[in-house]
Amino acid sequence: MWRRGEAEPAGGEPEPVTIPYDDEERLRRLADLLVERSRQDPQFGRDLAAWLREFGEPAERKAGSVYNTFSGTASNAVIQGRDFSGSINFGPQ
């Protein structure tokens, strides 16, 4: 596996690395590295911006879609959704 500061592997490209979507610390470090690289190499920044415009926004976050998340615990019911109409009743509490 290629690490920063080491010579790049044959072919000139580092091996891809998978970062779980919920690994916030590693994702933040990746974002910081991409920002710094974009500052150092404006063409890289333009290419990254073009890539993000095309692939960066998950389909579920596009206009008109719903993307709900819930983390932790709740002492009562949690309601997530879009375009509710009418009453929501969970019965006696």
C-alpha atoms as a PDB file:
ATOM      1  CA  MET A   1       0.000   0.000   0.000  1.00  0.00           C
ATOM      2  CA  TRP A   2       1.313   3.439  -0.932  1.00  0.00           C
ATOM      3  CA  ARG A   3       1.750   5.980   1.843  1.00  0.00           C
ATOM      4  CA  ARG A   4       2.303   9.708   1.564  1.00  0.00           C
ATOM      5  CA  GLY A   5       5.992  10.504   1.342  1.00  0.00           C
ATOM      6  CA  GLU A   6       6.895   7.147  -0.252  1.00  0.00           C
ATOM      7  CA  ALA A   7       7.705   6.621  -3.878  1.00  0.00           C
ATOM      8  CA  GLU A   8       4.592   5.956  -5.926  1.00  0.00           C
ATOM      9  CA  PRO A   9       4.089   2.363  -7.050  1.00  0.00           C
ATOM     10  CA  ALA A  10       4.827   1.301 -10.605  1.00  0.00           C
ATOM     11  CA  GLY A  11       2.328   2.896 -12.948  1.00  0.00           C
ATOM     12  CA  GLY A  12       2.428   6.192 -11.089  1.00  0.00           C
ATOM     13  CA  GLU A  13      -0.926   5.795  -9.324  1.00  0.00           C
ATOM     14  CA  PRO A  14      -1.446   4.887  -5.672  1.00  0.00           C
ATOM     15  CA  GLU A  15      -3.623   1.915  -4.807  1.00  0.00           C
ATOM     16  CA  PRO A  16      -7.268   2.849  -4.130  1.00  0.00           C
ATOM     17  CA  VAL A  17      -8.308   2.957  -0.486  1.00  0.00           C
ATOM     18  CA  THR A  18     -11.833   2.316   0.762  1.00  0.00           C
ATOM     19  CA  ILE A  19     -13.061   4.517   3.599  1.00  0.00           C
ATOM     20  CA  PRO A  20     -16.346   3.561   5.256  1.00  0.00           C
ATOM     21  CA  TYR A  21     -18.961   6.296   4.900  1.00  0.00           C
ATOM     22  CA  ASP A  22     -19.320   6.529   8.693  1.00  0.00           C
ATOM     23  CA  ASP A  23     -15.583   6.986   9.410  1.00  0.00           C
ATOM     24  CA  GLU A  24     -15.857  10.740   9.892  1.00  0.00           C
ATOM     25  CA  GLU A  25     -12.254  11.260  11.005  1.00  0.00           C
ATOM     26  CA  ARG A  26     -10.740   9.575   7.926  1.00  0.00           C
ATOM     27  CA  LEU A  27     -13.228  11.267   5.598  1.00  0.00           C
ATOM     28  CA  ARG A  28     -12.339  14.679   7.095  1.00  0.00           C
ATOM     29  CA  ARG A  29      -8.619  13.961   6.599  1.00  0.00           C
ATOM     30  CA  LEU A  30      -9.297  12.953   2.996  1.00  0.00           C
ATOM     31  CA  ALA A  31     -11.266  16.157   2.404  1.00  0.00           C
ATOM     32  CA  ASP A  32      -8.431  18.201   3.919  1.00  0.00           C
ATOM     33  CA  LEU A  33      -5.896  16.460   1.676  1.00  0.00           C
ATOM     34  CA  LEU A  34      -8.028  17.124  -1.416  1.00  0.00           C
ATOM     35  CA  VAL A  35      -8.382  20.804  -0.509  1.00  0.00           C
ATOM     36  CA  GLU A  36      -4.635  21.154   0.045  1.00  0.00           C
ATOM     37  CA  ARG A  37      -3.831  19.342  -3.211  1.00  0.00           C
ATOM     38  CA  SER A  38      -6.287  21.619  -5.042  1.00  0.00           C
ATOM     39  CA  ARG A  39      -4.494  24.674  -3.629  1.00  0.00           C
ATOM     40  CA  GLN A  40      -1.129  23.340  -4.767  1.00  0.00           C
ATOM     41  CA  ASP A  41      -2.323  22.184  -8.194  1.00  0.00           C
ATOM     42  CA  PRO A  42      -5.081  24.347  -9.731  1.00  0.00           C
ATOM     43  CA  GLN A  43      -5.649  21.871 -12.581  1.00  0.00           C
ATOM     44  CA  PHE A  44      -6.255  19.111 -10.041  1.00  0.00           C
ATOM     45  CA  GLY A  45      -8.728  21.440  -8.312  1.00  0.00           C
ATOM     46  CA  ARG A  46     -10.599  22.080 -11.576  1.00  0.00           C
ATOM     47  CA  ASP A  47     -10.659  18.359 -12.378  1.00  0.00           C
ATOM     48  CA  LEU A  48     -11.885  17.539  -8.862  1.00  0.00           C
ATOM     49  CA  ALA A  49     -14.617  20.193  -9.087  1.00  0.00           C
ATOM     50  CA  ALA A  50     -15.770  18.765 -12.440  1.00  0.00           C
ATOM     51  CA  TRP A  51     -15.801  15.246 -10.983  1.00  0.00           C
ATOM     52  CA  LEU A  52     -17.803  16.419  -7.948  1.00  0.00           C
ATOM     53  CA  ARG A  53     -20.357  18.141 -10.178  1.00  0.00           C
ATOM     54  CA  GLU A  54     -20.884  14.890 -12.049  1.00  0.00           C
ATOM     55  CA  PHE A  55     -20.566  12.280  -9.294  1.00  0.00           C
ATOM     56  CA  GLY A  56     -20.365  14.069  -5.936  1.00  0.00           C
ATOM     57  CA  GLU A  57     -24.000  14.302  -4.916  1.00  0.00           C
ATOM     58  CA  PRO A  58     -25.670  10.964  -4.155  1.00  0.00           C
ATOM     59  CA  ALA A  59     -28.931  10.428  -6.041  1.00  0.00           C
ATOM     60  CA  GLU A  60     -30.905  10.439  -2.808  1.00  0.00           C
ATOM     61  CA  ARG A  61     -29.726  14.007  -2.097  1.00  0.00           C
ATOM     62  CA  LYS A  62     -30.748  15.464  -5.436  1.00  0.00           C
ATOM     63  CA  ALA A  63     -33.577  17.982  -5.606  1.00  0.00           C
ATOM     64  CA  GLY A  64     -36.956  16.503  -4.760  1.00  0.00           C
ATOM     65  CA  SER A  65     -35.555  13.445  -3.001  1.00  0.00           C
ATOM     66  CA  VAL A  66     -35.599  12.594   0.690  1.00  0.00           C
ATOM     67  CA  TYR A  67     -32.528  11.645   2.667  1.00  0.00           C
ATOM     68  CA  ASN A  68     -33.260  10.979   6.338  1.00  0.00           C
ATOM     69  CA  THR A  69     -30.775   9.879   8.957  1.00  0.00           C
ATOM     70  CA  PHE A  70     -31.129   9.245  12.655  1.00  0.00           C
ATOM     71  CA  SER A  71     -28.347   8.514  15.071  1.00  0.00           C
ATOM     72  CA  GLY A  72     -28.488   7.805  18.757  1.00  0.00           C
ATOM     73  CA  THR A  73     -31.533   7.112  20.868  1.00  0.00           C
ATOM     74  CA  ALA A  74     -34.949   8.704  21.268  1.00  0.00           C
ATOM     75  CA  SER A  75     -37.216   8.625  24.293  1.00  0.00           C
ATOM     76  CA  ASN A  76     -40.266   8.891  22.013  1.00  0.00           C
ATOM     77  CA  ALA A  77     -41.133   8.108  18.409  1.00  0.00           C
ATOM     78  CA  VAL A  78     -39.062   9.542  15.573  1.00  0.00           C
ATOM     79  CA  ILE A  79     -40.804  10.466  12.340  1.00  0.00           C
ATOM     80  CA  GLN A  80     -38.890  10.882   9.113  1.00  0.00           C
ATOM     81  CA  GLY A  81     -40.273  11.371   5.668  1.00  0.00           C
ATOM     82  CA  ARG A  82     -41.514  13.865   3.151  1.00  0.00           C
ATOM     83  CA  ASP A  83     -44.850  15.403   2.189  1.00  0.00           C
ATOM     84  CA  PHE A  84     -46.890  14.176   5.144  1.00  0.00           C
ATOM     85  CA  SER A  85     -50.618  14.660   4.814  1.00  0.00           C
ATOM     86  CA  GLY A  86     -53.117  14.234   7.623  1.00  0.00           C
ATOM     87  CA  SER A  87     -52.597  13.078  11.187  1.00  0.00           C
ATOM     88  CA  ILE A  88     -49.870  10.855  12.529  1.00  0.00           C
ATOM     89  CA  ASN A  89     -50.975   8.784  15.503  1.00  0.00           C
ATOM     90  CA  PHE A  90     -48.963   6.258  17.467  1.00  0.00           C
ATOM     91  CA  GLY A  91     -51.787   5.410  19.830  1.00  0.00           C
ATOM     92  CA  PRO A  92     -51.828   5.927  23.594  1.00  0.00           C
ATOM     93  CA  GLN A  93     -48.521   6.895  25.137  1.00  0.00           C
END
